[in-house]
Amino acid sequence: MKLVRYGNPGKEKPGLIDANGKLRDLSAVITDIGPDQLSDTALAKLRKLKADKLPLVRGSPRLGSPITGTRKFIAIGLNYADHAAESGLPIPAEPVVFMKATSCIQGPNDPVMLPKGSVKTDWEIELGVVIGTRARYVSQKEALNHVAGYCTINDVSEREFQIERGGTWDKGKGCDTFGPLGPWLVTRDDVPNPQKLGMWLEVNGKRVQNGSTRTMIFSVAKLISYVSQFMTLEPGDVITTGTPPGVGMGMKPPVYLKKGDQIALGIDGLGEQRQVVVPFKL
């Protein structure tokens, strides 16, 4: 099942994508797609609906983030060995965990804004995991049972802020517009193995990232279990799980985003995003 939220920012309505790729309105069934709609029970009710009987949404409305009400946006760094190598960093013995501000979450095709003073804004295609049921000290064996679904994420990053300004990585990861999610939340029943998903990203039509979740150092199940040792994962929380090689920082010489650049990215079965880079604006 592919769940979406569509409409103008702050006024999104819930919807789903039917078997023919058409957008259907869910607003007569649920008020939104947030923590209360992500449990196994709630999703099972939606799964029983006859999609072709739901109202068809005409045109091509803007897509927002497929979920709302996220309280924690957790990120994993250096989770692909070849990306660690291009970054000049050792393979971590344990997952590298940091936070992205929830205020950076936006729709999959909304513009990416360069932060004020940015000189090293970069791209990262990542698999996003959305928690459906509370997870606290869960085993790796049980971890995936706590997942509502998966989505495509661009973990946009300002490398100077992240690496050269001291302290934690967070300050280069949570700038406004740095968390495009979607286009859809694909429920876990439609993603039988999150470790077998191809992923890619292009900048101005040039393929720069081309990888697969099969090369993760720490699997999705391992990450959920690991993170749940340090914080309780609540419905609606998002974990973005790391990026394969091909980021701008790793190129020789490095290449960073500038005004007018166009980014396209996608993950098998989880849909594609397209963003244009715009200058800073208050």
Protein backbone atom coordinates (compact mmCIF):
# COMPACT_ATOMS: atom_id res chain seq x y z
CA MET A 1 0.00 0.00 0.00
CA LYS A 2 1.29 3.44 -0.98
CA LEU A 3 0.11 6.24 1.28
CA VAL A 4 0.52 9.92 0.41
CA ARG A 5 -0.35 13.38 1.66
CA TYR A 6 -1.23 15.92 -1.01
CA GLY A 7 -2.09 19.60 -1.23
CA ASN A 8 -0.59 22.94 -0.25
CA PRO A 9 1.91 23.07 2.64
CA GLY A 10 0.11 22.82 5.96
CA LYS A 11 -3.16 21.83 4.30
CA GLU A 12 -2.32 18.36 3.03
CA LYS A 13 -4.99 15.67 2.75
CA PRO A 14 -4.42 11.92 3.14
CA GLY A 15 -4.50 9.73 0.06
CA LEU A 16 -3.30 6.51 -1.46
CA ILE A 17 -1.96 5.40 -4.81
CA ASP A 18 -4.14 2.69 -6.36
CA ALA A 19 -3.02 -0.31 -8.44
CA ASN A 20 -3.14 1.82 -11.59
CA GLY A 21 -0.98 4.56 -10.15
CA LYS A 22 -3.91 6.93 -9.60
CA LEU A 23 -4.19 9.18 -6.55
CA ARG A 24 -7.26 8.49 -4.40
CA ASP A 25 -8.59 10.67 -1.59
CA LEU A 26 -8.68 9.17 1.93
CA SER A 27 -9.96 12.23 3.79
CA ALA A 28 -13.41 10.70 4.32
CA VAL A 29 -11.77 7.70 5.99
CA ILE A 30 -8.93 9.20 8.07
CA THR A 31 -8.05 12.75 9.09
CA ASP A 32 -4.36 12.51 8.20
CA ILE A 33 -1.42 10.10 8.03
CA GLY A 34 0.39 10.42 11.32
CA PRO A 35 1.25 8.41 14.44
CA ASP A 36 -2.36 7.32 15.05
CA GLN A 37 -2.68 5.87 11.54
CA LEU A 38 0.57 3.87 11.50
CA SER A 39 -0.18 0.92 13.77
CA ASP A 40 -0.68 -2.53 12.29
CA THR A 41 -4.36 -2.36 13.22
CA ALA A 42 -4.91 1.02 11.59
CA LEU A 43 -3.05 0.04 8.43
CA ALA A 44 -4.97 -3.24 8.21
CA LYS A 45 -8.24 -1.27 8.10
CA LEU A 46 -6.93 0.86 5.26
CA ARG A 47 -5.74 -2.21 3.42
CA LYS A 48 -9.31 -3.56 3.40
CA LEU A 49 -10.63 -0.54 1.52
CA LYS A 50 -11.59 -0.90 -2.13
CA ALA A 51 -9.29 1.68 -3.63
CA ASP A 52 -11.25 1.97 -6.86
CA LYS A 53 -14.28 3.14 -4.85
CA LEU A 54 -12.42 6.04 -3.26
CA PRO A 55 -12.69 9.52 -4.85
CA LEU A 56 -10.20 10.08 -7.66
CA VAL A 57 -8.00 13.16 -7.25
CA ARG A 58 -7.80 15.09 -10.50
CA GLY A 59 -4.71 16.81 -11.83
CA SER A 60 -1.23 16.64 -10.31
CA PRO A 61 -1.36 18.23 -6.85
CA ARG A 62 1.73 18.90 -4.80
CA LEU A 63 2.82 15.97 -2.63
CA GLY A 64 3.81 16.69 0.94
CA SER A 65 5.77 14.46 3.25
CA PRO A 66 3.80 11.18 3.37
CA ILE A 67 3.62 11.36 7.16
CA THR A 68 3.02 14.10 9.69
CA GLY A 69 3.56 14.32 13.43
CA THR A 70 7.15 13.02 13.39
CA ARG A 71 8.74 13.66 16.77
CA LYS A 72 12.22 12.29 16.07
CA PHE A 73 14.15 12.34 12.79
CA ILE A 74 17.11 10.03 13.45
CA ALA A 75 19.96 9.62 11.01
CA ILE A 76 22.71 7.06 10.58
CA GLY A 77 26.11 8.09 9.24
CA LEU A 78 28.73 6.10 7.34
CA ASN A 79 26.52 3.03 6.93
CA TYR A 80 27.99 1.99 3.57
CA ALA A 81 31.62 0.89 3.55
CA ASP A 82 32.36 2.50 0.19
CA HIS A 83 30.86 5.81 1.32
CA ALA A 84 33.03 5.75 4.46
CA ALA A 85 36.04 5.21 2.21
CA GLU A 86 35.19 8.15 -0.06
CA SER A 87 34.76 10.29 3.06
CA GLY A 88 38.22 9.25 4.26
CA LEU A 89 36.78 7.75 7.44
CA PRO A 90 37.11 4.26 8.98
CA ILE A 91 34.22 1.80 8.91
CA PRO A 92 32.41 2.33 12.22
CA ALA A 93 32.37 -0.46 14.78
CA GLU A 94 28.90 0.68 15.87
CA PRO A 95 26.29 2.77 14.05
CA VAL A 96 26.95 6.51 13.94
CA VAL A 97 23.75 8.18 15.19
CA PHE A 98 22.80 11.85 14.89
CA MET A 99 19.60 13.88 14.59
CA LYS A 100 18.02 15.87 11.80
CA ALA A 101 15.62 18.61 12.88
CA THR A 102 12.00 17.70 12.24
CA SER A 103 11.56 21.25 10.90
CA CYS A 104 13.61 20.26 7.83
CA ILE A 105 11.00 17.71 6.67
CA GLN A 106 9.25 18.68 3.44
CA GLY A 107 7.60 17.23 0.37
CA PRO A 108 9.59 15.12 -2.09
CA ASN A 109 9.55 17.69 -4.87
CA ASP A 110 9.72 20.92 -2.89
CA PRO A 111 12.75 23.13 -3.62
CA VAL A 112 15.97 22.63 -1.64
CA MET A 113 17.12 25.96 -0.23
CA LEU A 114 20.80 26.74 0.27
CA PRO A 115 21.35 27.91 3.86
CA LYS A 116 22.64 31.42 4.48
CA GLY A 117 26.42 31.37 3.99
CA SER A 118 26.46 27.84 2.59
CA VAL A 119 29.39 26.83 0.42
CA LYS A 120 29.23 23.02 0.69
CA THR A 121 25.63 21.80 0.41
CA ASP A 122 25.59 18.15 -0.66
CA TRP A 123 23.15 15.37 -1.57
CA GLU A 124 22.54 11.87 -0.12
CA ILE A 125 20.02 9.29 -1.34
CA GLU A 126 18.82 7.24 1.64
CA LEU A 127 16.26 4.63 2.63
CA GLY A 128 13.85 6.02 5.22
CA VAL A 129 12.22 3.79 7.85
CA VAL A 130 9.00 4.96 9.51
CA ILE A 131 8.16 3.49 12.91
CA GLY A 132 4.61 2.22 13.38
CA THR A 133 4.59 0.85 16.92
CA ARG A 134 6.57 1.81 20.00
CA ALA A 135 10.03 0.21 20.13
CA ARG A 136 12.13 0.11 23.29
CA TYR A 137 15.00 -2.33 23.74
CA VAL A 138 13.71 -4.49 20.91
CA SER A 139 15.66 -7.45 19.56
CA GLN A 140 17.00 -7.50 16.04
CA LYS A 141 14.69 -10.45 15.34
CA GLU A 142 11.59 -8.43 16.31
CA ALA A 143 12.75 -5.04 15.01
CA LEU A 144 11.03 -5.03 11.61
CA ASN A 145 7.67 -5.76 13.25
CA HIS A 146 7.80 -2.19 14.55
CA VAL A 147 8.05 -0.68 11.06
CA ALA A 148 5.01 0.96 9.45
CA GLY A 149 6.72 1.42 6.11
CA TYR A 150 9.56 2.82 4.05
CA CYS A 151 10.19 5.90 1.93
CA THR A 152 12.80 7.67 -0.16
CA ILE A 153 14.79 10.42 1.59
CA ASN A 154 17.31 12.98 0.40
CA ASP A 155 19.53 13.59 3.44
CA VAL A 156 20.67 17.02 2.24
CA SER A 157 23.81 18.07 4.15
CA GLU A 158 25.93 21.21 4.49
CA ARG A 159 29.44 19.80 4.86
CA GLU A 160 31.14 22.91 6.22
CA PHE A 161 28.51 23.23 8.94
CA GLN A 162 28.65 19.47 9.58
CA ILE A 163 32.39 18.88 9.69
CA GLU A 164 34.32 22.15 9.93
CA ARG A 165 32.32 24.12 12.49
CA GLY A 166 32.96 21.92 15.54
CA GLY A 167 30.59 19.94 17.72
CA THR A 168 28.13 17.39 16.36
CA TRP A 169 27.02 16.72 12.79
CA ASP A 170 23.50 17.94 13.53
CA LYS A 171 24.12 21.57 12.60
CA GLY A 172 24.83 20.62 8.98
CA LYS A 173 21.89 18.24 8.70
CA GLY A 174 18.78 20.01 9.93
CA CYS A 175 18.66 23.22 7.88
CA ASP A 176 15.28 24.18 6.43
CA THR A 177 14.33 21.98 3.41
CA PHE A 178 17.09 19.43 4.18
CA GLY A 179 14.66 16.52 4.65
CA PRO A 180 12.56 15.74 1.55
CA LEU A 181 10.47 12.62 2.28
CA GLY A 182 8.36 10.58 -0.12
CA PRO A 183 6.65 10.59 -2.53
CA TRP A 184 4.94 7.70 -0.75
CA LEU A 185 5.03 5.74 2.45
CA VAL A 186 5.13 2.14 1.24
CA THR A 187 3.84 -0.16 3.97
CA ARG A 188 6.15 -2.92 5.11
CA ASP A 189 4.01 -5.71 3.63
CA ASP A 190 4.97 -4.37 0.20
CA VAL A 191 8.70 -4.30 1.05
CA PRO A 192 9.49 -7.93 1.92
CA ASN A 193 13.24 -7.32 2.15
CA PRO A 194 14.53 -3.78 2.79
CA GLN A 195 18.07 -5.05 2.15
CA LYS A 196 17.45 -5.63 -1.55
CA LEU A 197 16.56 -2.17 -2.84
CA GLY A 198 18.41 -0.41 -5.63
CA MET A 199 18.89 3.34 -5.22
CA TRP A 200 20.16 6.18 -7.39
CA LEU A 201 20.60 9.95 -7.52
CA GLU A 202 21.28 12.35 -10.38
CA VAL A 203 22.41 15.98 -10.40
CA ASN A 204 21.59 17.92 -13.57
CA GLY A 205 20.91 14.65 -15.38
CA LYS A 206 24.23 13.01 -14.44
CA ARG A 207 24.05 9.81 -12.39
CA VAL A 208 26.28 10.32 -9.36
CA GLN A 209 24.96 7.72 -6.91
CA ASN A 210 24.05 4.18 -7.92
CA GLY A 211 23.87 1.72 -5.05
CA SER A 212 21.86 -0.85 -3.15
CA THR A 213 20.74 -1.33 0.42
CA ARG A 214 22.34 -4.78 0.26
CA THR A 215 25.73 -3.10 0.90
CA MET A 216 24.72 -1.50 4.21
CA ILE A 217 27.14 -2.16 7.05
CA PHE A 218 24.29 -2.33 9.58
CA SER A 219 20.94 -3.67 8.38
CA VAL A 220 17.61 -1.93 8.97
CA ALA A 221 16.75 -4.49 11.67
CA LYS A 222 20.10 -3.93 13.38
CA LEU A 223 19.64 -0.15 13.30
CA ILE A 224 16.17 -0.24 14.83
CA SER A 225 17.32 -2.60 17.57
CA TYR A 226 20.46 -0.52 18.21
CA VAL A 227 18.76 2.88 18.33
CA SER A 228 16.00 1.51 20.59
CA GLN A 229 18.67 0.87 23.24
CA PHE A 230 19.28 4.62 23.53
CA MET A 231 15.86 6.18 22.94
CA THR A 232 12.28 4.98 22.70
CA LEU A 233 11.10 4.93 19.11
CA GLU A 234 7.54 6.19 18.79
CA PRO A 235 5.01 5.90 15.94
CA GLY A 236 5.86 8.42 13.26
CA ASP A 237 9.56 8.57 14.10
CA VAL A 238 11.82 8.37 11.06
CA ILE A 239 15.23 6.71 10.73
CA THR A 240 17.22 7.57 7.63
CA THR A 241 19.73 4.80 7.17
CA GLY A 242 22.82 6.13 5.39
CA THR A 243 23.94 6.71 1.82
CA PRO A 244 25.99 4.80 -0.78
CA PRO A 245 29.02 6.44 -2.44
CA GLY A 246 28.79 9.26 -4.94
CA VAL A 247 28.21 12.31 -2.75
CA GLY A 248 29.71 15.63 -3.81
CA MET A 249 32.16 15.70 -0.91
CA GLY A 250 33.79 12.50 -2.18
CA MET A 251 34.46 13.73 -5.70
CA LYS A 252 37.89 14.91 -6.80
CA PRO A 253 37.65 17.84 -6.68
CA PRO A 254 34.54 18.05 -4.50
CA VAL A 255 31.33 19.26 -6.16
CA TYR A 256 28.56 21.00 -4.24
CA LEU A 257 25.07 22.18 -5.05
CA LYS A 258 24.43 25.66 -6.42
CA LYS A 259 21.44 27.75 -7.37
CA GLY A 260 19.49 26.20 -10.26
CA ASP A 261 20.85 22.67 -9.90
CA GLN A 262 18.29 19.91 -10.38
CA ILE A 263 18.31 16.78 -8.26
CA ALA A 264 16.48 13.54 -9.09
CA LEU A 265 16.59 10.42 -6.93
CA GLY A 266 14.71 7.20 -6.33
CA ILE A 267 14.60 3.79 -4.64
CA ASP A 268 13.14 0.63 -6.15
CA GLY A 269 9.43 0.47 -5.35
CA LEU A 270 9.51 3.57 -3.16
CA GLY A 271 9.17 6.25 -5.82
CA GLU A 272 11.21 9.19 -7.05
CA GLN A 273 11.88 12.74 -5.94
CA ARG A 274 12.82 15.84 -7.97
CA GLN A 275 14.12 19.07 -6.47
CA VAL A 276 15.50 22.33 -7.76
CA VAL A 277 18.10 24.18 -5.67
CA VAL A 278 17.14 27.73 -4.74
CA PRO A 279 19.04 30.50 -2.93
CA PHE A 280 18.55 31.39 0.72
CA LYS A 281 15.44 33.36 1.60
CA LEU A 282 14.02 34.30 4.97
